[in-house]
Amino acid sequence: MAIDPVCGMEVDEEEAEFTTEYKGKTYYFCNPGCKTLFEGDE
């Protein structure tokens, strides 16, 4: 399980709908809002 870097929830990497890559690392998100917030902070 991965940890959503925005809200801290556990996310199953194999079933995650929302992901992004940043500096060569894949980040997993529980919902599109967390992904959007993360990408805004890049």
N, C-alpha and C. Protein backbone atom coordinates (compact mmCIF):
# COMPACT_ATOMS: atom_id res chain seq x y z
N MET A 1 0.84 -1.20 0.00
CA MET A 1 0.00 0.00 0.00
C MET A 1 0.88 1.25 0.00
N ALA A 2 0.43 2.22 -0.74
CA ALA A 2 1.11 3.52 -0.77
C ALA A 2 0.33 4.49 0.11
N ILE A 3 0.96 5.56 0.48
CA ILE A 3 0.31 6.60 1.29
C ILE A 3 0.09 7.83 0.41
N ASP A 4 -1.14 8.29 0.36
CA ASP A 4 -1.46 9.52 -0.37
C ASP A 4 -0.68 10.66 0.31
N PRO A 5 0.20 11.35 -0.44
CA PRO A 5 1.04 12.38 0.18
C PRO A 5 0.27 13.63 0.63
N VAL A 6 -0.98 13.76 0.20
CA VAL A 6 -1.76 14.94 0.57
C VAL A 6 -2.55 14.69 1.84
N CYS A 7 -3.33 13.59 1.88
CA CYS A 7 -4.22 13.37 3.03
C CYS A 7 -3.76 12.25 3.96
N GLY A 8 -2.79 11.44 3.52
CA GLY A 8 -2.26 10.39 4.38
C GLY A 8 -3.01 9.07 4.33
N MET A 9 -4.03 8.96 3.47
CA MET A 9 -4.78 7.71 3.36
C MET A 9 -3.94 6.65 2.65
N GLU A 10 -4.22 5.38 2.97
CA GLU A 10 -3.56 4.29 2.26
C GLU A 10 -4.24 4.09 0.91
N VAL A 11 -3.43 3.84 -0.12
CA VAL A 11 -3.93 3.65 -1.48
C VAL A 11 -3.29 2.38 -2.04
N ASP A 12 -4.10 1.49 -2.59
CA ASP A 12 -3.60 0.28 -3.23
C ASP A 12 -2.99 0.66 -4.58
N GLU A 13 -1.68 0.45 -4.74
CA GLU A 13 -1.00 0.84 -5.97
C GLU A 13 -1.60 0.16 -7.20
N GLU A 14 -2.04 -1.07 -7.07
CA GLU A 14 -2.55 -1.83 -8.21
C GLU A 14 -3.94 -1.36 -8.65
N GLU A 15 -4.69 -0.71 -7.76
CA GLU A 15 -6.04 -0.29 -8.10
C GLU A 15 -6.22 1.23 -8.10
N ALA A 16 -5.14 1.96 -7.88
CA ALA A 16 -5.23 3.42 -7.81
C ALA A 16 -5.62 4.01 -9.16
N GLU A 17 -6.65 4.84 -9.15
CA GLU A 17 -7.09 5.53 -10.38
C GLU A 17 -6.28 6.79 -10.63
N PHE A 18 -5.77 7.38 -9.55
CA PHE A 18 -5.14 8.70 -9.66
C PHE A 18 -3.67 8.60 -9.27
N THR A 19 -2.80 8.81 -10.25
CA THR A 19 -1.36 8.76 -10.01
C THR A 19 -0.70 9.90 -10.76
N THR A 20 0.50 10.22 -10.33
CA THR A 20 1.33 11.17 -11.06
C THR A 20 2.78 10.82 -10.79
N GLU A 21 3.65 11.20 -11.72
CA GLU A 21 5.08 11.02 -11.53
C GLU A 21 5.72 12.36 -11.28
N TYR A 22 6.64 12.36 -10.32
CA TYR A 22 7.35 13.59 -9.99
C TYR A 22 8.78 13.22 -9.64
N LYS A 23 9.72 13.78 -10.36
CA LYS A 23 11.15 13.51 -10.15
C LYS A 23 11.44 12.01 -10.14
N GLY A 24 10.83 11.28 -11.07
CA GLY A 24 11.10 9.86 -11.22
C GLY A 24 10.39 8.93 -10.25
N LYS A 25 9.53 9.46 -9.41
CA LYS A 25 8.80 8.64 -8.45
C LYS A 25 7.31 8.74 -8.74
N THR A 26 6.61 7.61 -8.60
CA THR A 26 5.16 7.60 -8.80
C THR A 26 4.47 7.83 -7.46
N TYR A 27 3.52 8.74 -7.47
CA TYR A 27 2.71 9.03 -6.28
C TYR A 27 1.28 8.59 -6.55
N TYR A 28 0.63 8.07 -5.52
CA TYR A 28 -0.72 7.53 -5.63
C TYR A 28 -1.67 8.35 -4.77
N PHE A 29 -2.88 8.59 -5.29
CA PHE A 29 -3.85 9.45 -4.60
C PHE A 29 -5.18 8.75 -4.45
N CYS A 30 -5.90 9.07 -3.39
CA CYS A 30 -7.19 8.43 -3.11
C CYS A 30 -8.32 9.05 -3.93
N ASN A 31 -8.13 10.29 -4.40
CA ASN A 31 -9.17 10.95 -5.19
C ASN A 31 -8.54 12.04 -6.06
N PRO A 32 -9.29 12.54 -7.04
CA PRO A 32 -8.71 13.54 -7.95
C PRO A 32 -8.38 14.86 -7.27
N GLY A 33 -9.06 15.19 -6.18
CA GLY A 33 -8.78 16.43 -5.46
C GLY A 33 -7.39 16.42 -4.86
N CYS A 34 -7.00 15.29 -4.28
CA CYS A 34 -5.65 15.19 -3.69
C CYS A 34 -4.59 15.28 -4.79
N LYS A 35 -4.86 14.64 -5.93
CA LYS A 35 -3.90 14.71 -7.04
C LYS A 35 -3.74 16.15 -7.52
N THR A 36 -4.84 16.86 -7.65
CA THR A 36 -4.81 18.25 -8.10
C THR A 36 -4.04 19.12 -7.12
N LEU A 37 -4.28 18.95 -5.83
CA LEU A 37 -3.55 19.72 -4.82
C LEU A 37 -2.05 19.45 -4.90
N PHE A 38 -1.68 18.18 -5.03
CA PHE A 38 -0.27 17.80 -5.12
C PHE A 38 0.37 18.43 -6.36
N GLU A 39 -0.27 18.31 -7.49
CA GLU A 39 0.28 18.84 -8.73
C GLU A 39 0.38 20.36 -8.70
N GLY A 40 -0.48 21.01 -7.94
CA GLY A 40 -0.40 22.46 -7.80
C GLY A 40 0.78 22.90 -6.98
N ASP A 41 1.29 22.00 -6.12
CA ASP A 41 2.43 22.32 -5.26
C ASP A 41 3.77 22.00 -5.90
N GLU A 42 3.76 21.35 -7.06
CA GLU A 42 5.02 20.96 -7.72
C GLU A 42 5.84 22.18 -8.11
